[in-house]
Each structure stands twice: as C-alpha cells, then as structure tokens.
PDB file of all heavy atoms in Angstrom:
ATOM      1  N   LEU A   1       3.574  12.781  -9.489  1.00  0.00           N
ATOM      2  CA  LEU A   1       3.926  12.315  -8.142  1.00  0.00           C
ATOM      3  C   LEU A   1       5.268  11.583  -8.164  1.00  0.00           C
ATOM      4  O   LEU A   1       5.572  10.850  -9.061  1.00  0.00           O
ATOM      5  CB  LEU A   1       2.857  11.345  -7.611  1.00  0.00           C
ATOM      6  CG  LEU A   1       1.482  11.934  -7.388  1.00  0.00           C
ATOM      7  CD1 LEU A   1       0.573  10.871  -6.762  1.00  0.00           C
ATOM      8  CD2 LEU A   1       1.523  13.173  -6.522  1.00  0.00           C
ATOM      9  N   ALA A   2       6.026  11.826  -7.135  1.00  0.00           N
ATOM     10  CA  ALA A   2       7.335  11.192  -7.011  1.00  0.00           C
ATOM     11  C   ALA A   2       7.383  10.352  -5.719  1.00  0.00           C
ATOM     12  O   ALA A   2       7.144  10.855  -4.635  1.00  0.00           O
ATOM     13  CB  ALA A   2       8.456  12.231  -6.958  1.00  0.00           C
ATOM     14  N   PHE A   3       7.620   9.054  -5.897  1.00  0.00           N
ATOM     15  CA  PHE A   3       7.842   8.172  -4.775  1.00  0.00           C
ATOM     16  C   PHE A   3       8.829   7.100  -5.193  1.00  0.00           C
ATOM     17  O   PHE A   3       9.042   6.873  -6.379  1.00  0.00           O
ATOM     18  CB  PHE A   3       6.518   7.570  -4.274  1.00  0.00           C
ATOM     19  CG  PHE A   3       5.663   6.938  -5.304  1.00  0.00           C
ATOM     20  CD1 PHE A   3       5.850   5.613  -5.699  1.00  0.00           C
ATOM     21  CD2 PHE A   3       4.677   7.683  -5.965  1.00  0.00           C
ATOM     22  CE1 PHE A   3       5.082   5.051  -6.680  1.00  0.00           C
ATOM     23  CE2 PHE A   3       3.894   7.086  -6.945  1.00  0.00           C
ATOM     24  CZ  PHE A   3       4.079   5.764  -7.292  1.00  0.00           C
ATOM     25  N   ALA A   4       9.458   6.496  -4.219  1.00  0.00           N
ATOM     26  CA  ALA A   4      10.505   5.504  -4.482  1.00  0.00           C
ATOM     27  C   ALA A   4       9.975   4.294  -5.235  1.00  0.00           C
ATOM     28  O   ALA A   4       8.798   3.926  -5.106  1.00  0.00           O
ATOM     29  CB  ALA A   4      11.119   5.057  -3.183  1.00  0.00           C
ATOM     30  N   ASP A   5      10.814   3.687  -6.024  1.00  0.00           N
ATOM     31  CA  ASP A   5      10.414   2.500  -6.810  1.00  0.00           C
ATOM     32  C   ASP A   5       9.972   1.354  -5.895  1.00  0.00           C
ATOM     33  O   ASP A   5       9.148   0.529  -6.302  1.00  0.00           O
ATOM     34  CB  ASP A   5      11.584   2.017  -7.676  1.00  0.00           C
ATOM     35  CG  ASP A   5      11.853   2.944  -8.844  1.00  0.00           C
ATOM     36  OD1 ASP A   5      10.977   3.779  -9.192  1.00  0.00           O
ATOM     37  OD2 ASP A   5      12.962   2.848  -9.398  1.00  0.00           O
ATOM     38  N   ASP A   6      10.480   1.346  -4.675  1.00  0.00           N
ATOM     39  CA  ASP A   6      10.099   0.287  -3.742  1.00  0.00           C
ATOM     40  C   ASP A   6       9.193   0.795  -2.608  1.00  0.00           C
ATOM     41  O   ASP A   6       9.068   0.159  -1.569  1.00  0.00           O
ATOM     42  CB  ASP A   6      11.351  -0.373  -3.139  1.00  0.00           C
ATOM     43  CG  ASP A   6      12.188   0.577  -2.332  1.00  0.00           C
ATOM     44  OD1 ASP A   6      11.975   1.816  -2.406  1.00  0.00           O
ATOM     45  OD2 ASP A   6      13.127   0.104  -1.634  1.00  0.00           O
ATOM     46  N   ALA A   7       8.526   1.904  -2.851  1.00  0.00           N
ATOM     47  CA  ALA A   7       7.668   2.513  -1.826  1.00  0.00           C
ATOM     48  C   ALA A   7       6.549   1.557  -1.414  1.00  0.00           C
ATOM     49  O   ALA A   7       5.902   0.976  -2.278  1.00  0.00           O
ATOM     50  CB  ALA A   7       7.056   3.825  -2.324  1.00  0.00           C
ATOM     51  N   PRO A   8       6.329   1.408  -0.117  1.00  0.00           N
ATOM     52  CA  PRO A   8       5.180   0.638   0.323  1.00  0.00           C
ATOM     53  C   PRO A   8       3.879   1.346  -0.029  1.00  0.00           C
ATOM     54  O   PRO A   8       3.862   2.567  -0.262  1.00  0.00           O
ATOM     55  CB  PRO A   8       5.363   0.489   1.844  1.00  0.00           C
ATOM     56  CG  PRO A   8       6.358   1.539   2.219  1.00  0.00           C
ATOM     57  CD  PRO A   8       7.117   1.917   0.994  1.00  0.00           C
ATOM     58  N   GLU A   9       2.792   0.632  -0.019  1.00  0.00           N
ATOM     59  CA  GLU A   9       1.505   1.200  -0.415  1.00  0.00           C
ATOM     60  C   GLU A   9       1.115   2.422   0.405  1.00  0.00           C
ATOM     61  O   GLU A   9       0.594   3.388  -0.138  1.00  0.00           O
ATOM     62  CB  GLU A   9       0.430   0.126  -0.322  1.00  0.00           C
ATOM     63  CG  GLU A   9       0.650  -0.980  -1.319  1.00  0.00           C
ATOM     64  CD  GLU A   9      -0.289  -2.138  -1.156  1.00  0.00           C
ATOM     65  OE1 GLU A   9      -1.237  -2.074  -0.337  1.00  0.00           O
ATOM     66  OE2 GLU A   9      -0.098  -3.150  -1.871  1.00  0.00           O
ATOM     67  N   ALA A  10       1.341   2.373   1.716  1.00  0.00           N
ATOM     68  CA  ALA A  10       0.993   3.517   2.561  1.00  0.00           C
ATOM     69  C   ALA A  10       1.726   4.779   2.126  1.00  0.00           C
ATOM     70  O   ALA A  10       1.145   5.866   2.130  1.00  0.00           O
ATOM     71  CB  ALA A  10       1.279   3.211   4.025  1.00  0.00           C
ATOM     72  N   GLU A  11       2.976   4.659   1.728  1.00  0.00           N
ATOM     73  CA  GLU A  11       3.744   5.818   1.267  1.00  0.00           C
ATOM     74  C   GLU A  11       3.220   6.342  -0.086  1.00  0.00           C
ATOM     75  O   GLU A  11       3.196   7.548  -0.315  1.00  0.00           O
ATOM     76  CB  GLU A  11       5.227   5.512   1.210  1.00  0.00           C
ATOM     77  CG  GLU A  11       5.843   5.368   2.579  1.00  0.00           C
ATOM     78  CD  GLU A  11       7.315   5.018   2.528  1.00  0.00           C
ATOM     79  OE1 GLU A  11       7.942   5.064   1.451  1.00  0.00           O
ATOM     80  OE2 GLU A  11       7.859   4.690   3.614  1.00  0.00           O
ATOM     81  N   VAL A  12       2.781   5.433  -0.934  1.00  0.00           N
ATOM     82  CA  VAL A  12       2.231   5.849  -2.220  1.00  0.00           C
ATOM     83  C   VAL A  12       0.961   6.677  -1.973  1.00  0.00           C
ATOM     84  O   VAL A  12       0.790   7.783  -2.503  1.00  0.00           O
ATOM     85  CB  VAL A  12       1.919   4.623  -3.124  1.00  0.00           C
ATOM     86  CG1 VAL A  12       1.168   5.084  -4.376  1.00  0.00           C
ATOM     87  CG2 VAL A  12       3.209   3.898  -3.489  1.00  0.00           C
ATOM     88  N   PHE A  13       0.080   6.164  -1.117  1.00  0.00           N
ATOM     89  CA  PHE A  13      -1.173   6.916  -0.835  1.00  0.00           C
ATOM     90  C   PHE A  13      -0.886   8.196  -0.080  1.00  0.00           C
ATOM     91  O   PHE A  13      -1.539   9.205  -0.333  1.00  0.00           O
ATOM     92  CB  PHE A  13      -2.140   6.019  -0.040  1.00  0.00           C
ATOM     93  CG  PHE A  13      -2.818   4.995  -0.876  1.00  0.00           C
ATOM     94  CD1 PHE A  13      -2.584   3.652  -0.690  1.00  0.00           C
ATOM     95  CD2 PHE A  13      -3.673   5.370  -1.910  1.00  0.00           C
ATOM     96  CE1 PHE A  13      -3.220   2.683  -1.470  1.00  0.00           C
ATOM     97  CE2 PHE A  13      -4.302   4.422  -2.706  1.00  0.00           C
ATOM     98  CZ  PHE A  13      -4.069   3.062  -2.483  1.00  0.00           C
ATOM     99  N   GLU A  14       0.093   8.215   0.805  1.00  0.00           N
ATOM    100  CA  GLU A  14       0.471   9.435   1.519  1.00  0.00           C
ATOM    101  C   GLU A  14       0.958  10.474   0.546  1.00  0.00           C
ATOM    102  O   GLU A  14       0.609  11.656   0.636  1.00  0.00           O
ATOM    103  CB  GLU A  14       1.536   9.129   2.567  1.00  0.00           C
ATOM    104  CG  GLU A  14       2.102  10.347   3.269  1.00  0.00           C
ATOM    105  CD  GLU A  14       1.283  10.821   4.441  1.00  0.00           C
ATOM    106  OE1 GLU A  14       0.052  10.589   4.519  1.00  0.00           O
ATOM    107  OE2 GLU A  14       1.893  11.417   5.362  1.00  0.00           O
ATOM    108  N   THR A  15       1.776  10.093  -0.432  1.00  0.00           N
ATOM    109  CA  THR A  15       2.261  11.017  -1.453  1.00  0.00           C
ATOM    110  C   THR A  15       1.102  11.639  -2.220  1.00  0.00           C
ATOM    111  O   THR A  15       1.054  12.858  -2.466  1.00  0.00           O
ATOM    112  CB  THR A  15       3.204  10.298  -2.427  1.00  0.00           C
ATOM    113  OG1 THR A  15       4.306   9.768  -1.698  1.00  0.00           O
ATOM    114  CG2 THR A  15       3.719  11.225  -3.502  1.00  0.00           C
ATOM    115  N   LEU A  16       0.132  10.834  -2.581  1.00  0.00           N
ATOM    116  CA  LEU A  16      -1.041  11.311  -3.310  1.00  0.00           C
ATOM    117  C   LEU A  16      -1.886  12.259  -2.420  1.00  0.00           C
ATOM    118  O   LEU A  16      -2.262  13.351  -2.870  1.00  0.00           O
ATOM    119  CB  LEU A  16      -1.924  10.145  -3.731  1.00  0.00           C
ATOM    120  CG  LEU A  16      -3.216  10.478  -4.466  1.00  0.00           C
ATOM    121  CD1 LEU A  16      -2.914  11.195  -5.789  1.00  0.00           C
ATOM    122  CD2 LEU A  16      -3.986   9.195  -4.702  1.00  0.00           C
ATOM    123  N   LEU A  17      -2.086  11.892  -1.189  1.00  0.00           N
ATOM    124  CA  LEU A  17      -2.858  12.687  -0.240  1.00  0.00           C
ATOM    125  C   LEU A  17      -2.203  14.067  -0.049  1.00  0.00           C
ATOM    126  O   LEU A  17      -2.880  15.095  -0.060  1.00  0.00           O
ATOM    127  CB  LEU A  17      -2.972  11.965   1.088  1.00  0.00           C
ATOM    128  CG  LEU A  17      -3.829  12.579   2.172  1.00  0.00           C
ATOM    129  CD1 LEU A  17      -5.287  12.657   1.727  1.00  0.00           C
ATOM    130  CD2 LEU A  17      -3.682  11.742   3.448  1.00  0.00           C
ATOM    131  N   GLU A  18      -0.884  14.092   0.123  1.00  0.00           N
ATOM    132  CA  GLU A  18      -0.174  15.359   0.304  1.00  0.00           C
ATOM    133  C   GLU A  18      -0.204  16.222  -0.942  1.00  0.00           C
ATOM    134  O   GLU A  18      -0.467  17.410  -0.856  1.00  0.00           O
ATOM    135  CB  GLU A  18       1.277  15.087   0.730  1.00  0.00           C
ATOM    136  CG  GLU A  18       1.410  14.541   2.105  1.00  0.00           C
ATOM    137  CD  GLU A  18       2.834  14.197   2.495  1.00  0.00           C
ATOM    138  OE1 GLU A  18       3.697  14.047   1.580  1.00  0.00           O
ATOM    139  OE2 GLU A  18       3.092  14.015   3.701  1.00  0.00           O
ATOM    140  N   ALA A  19       0.049  15.616  -2.114  1.00  0.00           N
ATOM    141  CA  ALA A  19       0.112  16.387  -3.341  1.00  0.00           C
ATOM    142  C   ALA A  19      -1.243  16.934  -3.759  1.00  0.00           C
ATOM    143  O   ALA A  19      -1.328  18.080  -4.203  1.00  0.00           O
ATOM    144  CB  ALA A  19       0.686  15.506  -4.473  1.00  0.00           C
ATOM    145  N   ARG A  20      -2.262  16.150  -3.626  1.00  0.00           N
ATOM    146  CA  ARG A  20      -3.592  16.556  -4.113  1.00  0.00           C
ATOM    147  C   ARG A  20      -4.378  17.351  -3.104  1.00  0.00           C
ATOM    148  O   ARG A  20      -5.197  18.201  -3.457  1.00  0.00           O
ATOM    149  CB  ARG A  20      -4.407  15.350  -4.539  1.00  0.00           C
ATOM    150  CG  ARG A  20      -3.824  14.611  -5.715  1.00  0.00           C
ATOM    151  CD  ARG A  20      -3.834  15.477  -6.988  1.00  0.00           C
ATOM    152  NE  ARG A  20      -3.436  14.716  -8.146  1.00  0.00           N
ATOM    153  CZ  ARG A  20      -2.194  14.665  -8.622  1.00  0.00           C
ATOM    154  NH1 ARG A  20      -1.224  15.348  -8.021  1.00  0.00           N
ATOM    155  NH2 ARG A  20      -1.904  13.977  -9.711  1.00  0.00           N
ATOM    156  N   TYR A  21      -4.200  17.062  -1.820  1.00  0.00           N
ATOM    157  CA  TYR A  21      -5.072  17.664  -0.801  1.00  0.00           C
ATOM    158  C   TYR A  21      -4.334  18.399   0.286  1.00  0.00           C
ATOM    159  O   TYR A  21      -4.978  18.964   1.178  1.00  0.00           O
ATOM    160  CB  TYR A  21      -5.966  16.578  -0.193  1.00  0.00           C
ATOM    161  CG  TYR A  21      -6.770  15.854  -1.249  1.00  0.00           C
ATOM    162  CD1 TYR A  21      -6.360  14.609  -1.697  1.00  0.00           C
ATOM    163  CD2 TYR A  21      -7.896  16.441  -1.824  1.00  0.00           C
ATOM    164  CE1 TYR A  21      -7.089  13.931  -2.694  1.00  0.00           C
ATOM    165  CE2 TYR A  21      -8.603  15.793  -2.810  1.00  0.00           C
ATOM    166  CZ  TYR A  21      -8.205  14.529  -3.238  1.00  0.00           C
ATOM    167  OH  TYR A  21      -8.907  13.887  -4.215  1.00  0.00           O
ATOM    168  N   GLY A  22      -3.017  18.406   0.255  1.00  0.00           N
ATOM    169  CA  GLY A  22      -2.244  19.112   1.295  1.00  0.00           C
ATOM    170  C   GLY A  22      -2.444  18.522   2.684  1.00  0.00           C
ATOM    171  O   GLY A  22      -2.312  19.235   3.676  1.00  0.00           O
ATOM    172  N   ARG A  23      -2.775  17.268   2.724  1.00  0.00           N
ATOM    173  CA  ARG A  23      -3.031  16.561   4.016  1.00  0.00           C
ATOM    174  C   ARG A  23      -2.035  15.435   4.168  1.00  0.00           C
ATOM    175  O   ARG A  23      -1.459  14.950   3.221  1.00  0.00           O
ATOM    176  CB  ARG A  23      -4.432  15.971   4.034  1.00  0.00           C
ATOM    177  CG  ARG A  23      -5.539  16.959   3.843  1.00  0.00           C
ATOM    178  CD  ARG A  23      -5.674  17.822   5.058  1.00  0.00           C
ATOM    179  NE  ARG A  23      -6.846  18.693   4.923  1.00  0.00           N
ATOM    180  CZ  ARG A  23      -7.372  19.312   5.910  1.00  0.00           C
ATOM    181  NH1 ARG A  23      -6.900  19.168   7.124  1.00  0.00           N
ATOM    182  NH2 ARG A  23      -8.398  20.113   5.703  1.00  0.00           N
ATOM    183  N   SER A  24      -1.918  15.019   5.416  1.00  0.00           N
ATOM    184  CA  SER A  24      -1.061  13.847   5.691  1.00  0.00           C
ATOM    185  C   SER A  24      -1.665  13.064   6.848  1.00  0.00           C
ATOM    186  O   SER A  24      -2.413  13.578   7.658  1.00  0.00           O
ATOM    187  CB  SER A  24       0.350  14.268   6.020  1.00  0.00           C
ATOM    188  OG  SER A  24       0.380  15.087   7.180  1.00  0.00           O
ATOM    189  N   ALA A  25      -1.328  11.810   6.858  1.00  0.00           N
ATOM    190  CA  ALA A  25      -1.789  10.926   7.941  1.00  0.00           C
ATOM    191  C   ALA A  25      -0.910  11.163   9.162  1.00  0.00           C
ATOM    192  O   ALA A  25       0.208  11.658   9.059  1.00  0.00           O
ATOM    193  CB  ALA A  25      -1.704   9.464   7.492  1.00  0.00           C
ATOM    194  N   ASP A  26      -1.431  10.791  10.312  1.00  0.00           N
ATOM    195  CA  ASP A  26      -0.649  10.887  11.535  1.00  0.00           C
ATOM    196  C   ASP A  26       0.357   9.744  11.623  1.00  0.00           C
ATOM    197  O   ASP A  26       1.456   9.928  12.178  1.00  0.00           O
ATOM    198  CB  ASP A  26      -1.581  10.864  12.737  1.00  0.00           C
ATOM    199  CG  ASP A  26      -2.555  12.013  12.756  1.00  0.00           C
ATOM    200  OD1 ASP A  26      -2.087  13.171  12.747  1.00  0.00           O
ATOM    201  OD2 ASP A  26      -3.768  11.763  12.714  1.00  0.00           O
ATOM    202  N   LEU A  27      -0.014   8.600  11.125  1.00  0.00           N
ATOM    203  CA  LEU A  27       0.831   7.414  11.196  1.00  0.00           C
ATOM    204  C   LEU A  27       0.763   6.641   9.904  1.00  0.00           C
ATOM    205  O   LEU A  27      -0.272   6.634   9.224  1.00  0.00           O
ATOM    206  CB  LEU A  27       0.395   6.460  12.316  1.00  0.00           C
ATOM    207  CG  LEU A  27       0.397   6.989  13.744  1.00  0.00           C
ATOM    208  CD1 LEU A  27      -0.284   5.999  14.676  1.00  0.00           C
ATOM    209  CD2 LEU A  27       1.817   7.269  14.215  1.00  0.00           C
ATOM    210  N   LEU A  28       1.850   6.005   9.525  1.00  0.00           N
ATOM    211  CA  LEU A  28       1.872   5.087   8.410  1.00  0.00           C
ATOM    212  C   LEU A  28       2.321   3.714   8.895  1.00  0.00           C
ATOM    213  O   LEU A  28       3.296   3.607   9.626  1.00  0.00           O
ATOM    214  CB  LEU A  28       2.906   5.539   7.338  1.00  0.00           C
ATOM    215  CG  LEU A  28       2.670   6.881   6.661  1.00  0.00           C
ATOM    216  CD1 LEU A  28       3.783   7.175   5.646  1.00  0.00           C
ATOM    217  CD2 LEU A  28       1.307   6.931   5.975  1.00  0.00           C
ATOM    218  N   GLU A  29       1.626   2.689   8.459  1.00  0.00           N
ATOM    219  CA  GLU A  29       2.050   1.333   8.729  1.00  0.00           C
ATOM    220  C   GLU A  29       2.548   0.795   7.408  1.00  0.00           C
ATOM    221  O   GLU A  29       1.787   0.722   6.432  1.00  0.00           O
ATOM    222  CB  GLU A  29       0.861   0.465   9.254  1.00  0.00           C
ATOM    223  CG  GLU A  29       1.255  -0.944   9.649  1.00  0.00           C
ATOM    224  CD  GLU A  29       1.632  -1.819   8.479  1.00  0.00           C
ATOM    225  OE1 GLU A  29       0.818  -2.027   7.554  1.00  0.00           O
ATOM    226  OE2 GLU A  29       2.774  -2.327   8.481  1.00  0.00           O
ATOM    227  N   THR A  30       3.830   0.456   7.340  1.00  0.00           N
ATOM    228  CA  THR A  30       4.455   0.099   6.064  1.00  0.00           C
ATOM    229  C   THR A  30       5.076  -1.298   6.034  1.00  0.00           C
ATOM    230  O   THR A  30       5.715  -1.632   5.041  1.00  0.00           O
ATOM    231  CB  THR A  30       5.523   1.137   5.709  1.00  0.00           C
ATOM    232  OG1 THR A  30       6.518   1.129   6.754  1.00  0.00           O
ATOM    233  CG2 THR A  30       4.952   2.541   5.551  1.00  0.00           C
ATOM    234  N   ARG A  31       4.919  -2.076   7.093  1.00  0.00           N
ATOM    235  CA  ARG A  31       5.576  -3.368   7.151  1.00  0.00           C
ATOM    236  C   ARG A  31       4.733  -4.523   6.612  1.00  0.00           C
ATOM    237  O   ARG A  31       5.257  -5.589   6.302  1.00  0.00           O
ATOM    238  CB  ARG A  31       5.968  -3.723   8.599  1.00  0.00           C
ATOM    239  CG  ARG A  31       6.926  -2.763   9.216  1.00  0.00           C
ATOM    240  CD  ARG A  31       7.326  -3.193  10.632  1.00  0.00           C
ATOM    241  NE  ARG A  31       6.165  -3.594  11.403  1.00  0.00           N
ATOM    242  CZ  ARG A  31       6.174  -4.652  12.245  1.00  0.00           C
ATOM    243  NH1 ARG A  31       7.246  -5.345  12.459  1.00  0.00           N
ATOM    244  NH2 ARG A  31       5.081  -4.945  12.936  1.00  0.00           N
ATOM    245  N   SER A  32       3.446  -4.328   6.482  1.00  0.00           N
ATOM    246  CA  SER A  32       2.566  -5.441   6.135  1.00  0.00           C
ATOM    247  C   SER A  32       2.869  -5.948   4.716  1.00  0.00           C
ATOM    248  O   SER A  32       3.293  -5.238   3.833  1.00  0.00           O
ATOM    249  CB  SER A  32       1.110  -5.038   6.261  1.00  0.00           C
ATOM    250  OG  SER A  32       0.838  -3.891   5.461  1.00  0.00           O
ATOM    251  N   THR A  33       2.576  -7.258   4.548  1.00  0.00           N
ATOM    252  CA  THR A  33       2.755  -7.883   3.254  1.00  0.00           C
ATOM    253  C   THR A  33       1.481  -8.547   2.747  1.00  0.00           C
ATOM    254  O   THR A  33       1.433  -9.088   1.686  1.00  0.00           O
ATOM    255  CB  THR A  33       3.888  -8.945   3.311  1.00  0.00           C
ATOM    256  OG1 THR A  33       3.511  -9.933   4.277  1.00  0.00           O
ATOM    257  CG2 THR A  33       5.208  -8.309   3.633  1.00  0.00           C
ATOM    258  N   ASN A  34       0.442  -8.506   3.572  1.00  0.00           N
ATOM    259  CA  ASN A  34      -0.862  -9.083   3.184  1.00  0.00           C
ATOM    260  C   ASN A  34      -1.950  -8.464   4.049  1.00  0.00           C
ATOM    261  O   ASN A  34      -1.675  -7.714   4.982  1.00  0.00           O
ATOM    262  CB  ASN A  34      -0.832 -10.592   3.329  1.00  0.00           C
ATOM    263  CG  ASN A  34      -0.547 -11.045   4.733  1.00  0.00           C
ATOM    264  OD1 ASN A  34      -1.230 -10.723   5.670  1.00  0.00           O
ATOM    265  ND2 ASN A  34       0.551 -11.824   4.890  1.00  0.00           N
ATOM    266  N   CYS A  35      -3.189  -8.802   3.741  1.00  0.00           N
ATOM    267  CA  CYS A  35      -4.320  -8.184   4.447  1.00  0.00           C
ATOM    268  C   CYS A  35      -4.322  -8.503   5.952  1.00  0.00           C
ATOM    269  O   CYS A  35      -4.694  -7.652   6.768  1.00  0.00           O
ATOM    270  CB  CYS A  35      -5.638  -8.652   3.835  1.00  0.00           C
ATOM    271  SG  CYS A  35      -5.879  -8.034   2.185  1.00  0.00           S
ATOM    272  N   GLY A  36      -3.927  -9.725   6.314  1.00  0.00           N
ATOM    273  CA  GLY A  36      -3.861 -10.073   7.736  1.00  0.00           C
ATOM    274  C   GLY A  36      -2.845  -9.224   8.469  1.00  0.00           C
ATOM    275  O   GLY A  36      -3.081  -8.746   9.584  1.00  0.00           O
ATOM    276  N   ASN A  37      -1.667  -9.040   7.832  1.00  0.00           N
ATOM    277  CA  ASN A  37      -0.627  -8.198   8.449  1.00  0.00           C
ATOM    278  C   ASN A  37      -1.101  -6.746   8.574  1.00  0.00           C
ATOM    279  O   ASN A  37      -0.705  -6.055   9.518  1.00  0.00           O
ATOM    280  CB  ASN A  37       0.638  -8.167   7.631  1.00  0.00           C
ATOM    281  CG  ASN A  37       1.460  -9.431   7.733  1.00  0.00           C
ATOM    282  OD1 ASN A  37       2.185  -9.712   6.784  1.00  0.00           O
ATOM    283  ND2 ASN A  37       1.409 -10.165   8.782  1.00  0.00           N
ATOM    284  N   ASN A  38      -1.923  -6.306   7.637  1.00  0.00           N
ATOM    285  CA  ASN A  38      -2.435  -4.901   7.753  1.00  0.00           C
ATOM    286  C   ASN A  38      -3.044  -4.683   9.138  1.00  0.00           C
ATOM    287  O   ASN A  38      -2.778  -3.659   9.780  1.00  0.00           O
ATOM    288  CB  ASN A  38      -3.498  -4.638   6.708  1.00  0.00           C
ATOM    289  CG  ASN A  38      -2.938  -4.431   5.323  1.00  0.00           C
ATOM    290  OD1 ASN A  38      -1.766  -4.194   5.123  1.00  0.00           O
ATOM    291  ND2 ASN A  38      -3.791  -4.536   4.329  1.00  0.00           N
ATOM    292  N   ILE A  39      -3.837  -5.625   9.580  1.00  0.00           N
ATOM    293  CA  ILE A  39      -4.525  -5.469  10.864  1.00  0.00           C
ATOM    294  C   ILE A  39      -3.597  -5.710  12.025  1.00  0.00           C
ATOM    295  O   ILE A  39      -3.563  -4.915  12.998  1.00  0.00           O
ATOM    296  CB  ILE A  39      -5.736  -6.417  10.943  1.00  0.00           C
ATOM    297  CG1 ILE A  39      -6.718  -6.109   9.810  1.00  0.00           C
ATOM    298  CG2 ILE A  39      -6.404  -6.374  12.302  1.00  0.00           C
ATOM    299  CD1 ILE A  39      -7.233  -4.691   9.785  1.00  0.00           C
TER     300      ILE A  39
END
C-alpha cells in the first residue's frame, strides 16, 4: 500500500479499502485530531 507519510487515518483506511476490496467511501473526514473531533 502506498500513502503519504503524513496521511490522516481516514486516508490510510481508504487506501486499504480500495486496494483490498475495490471499494471507496463517499466521504472522508480528515481534520480531526481526537475522538471528540471525530464526531
């Protein structure tokens, strides 16, 4: 898998999802820095 050294977690999981399952999410939230921000 190839992703940027500073890739946010959502992009890491999206890369895995695309490579392994040929699927992608409709949206990525990549700004959060903690669990509260996730929501």
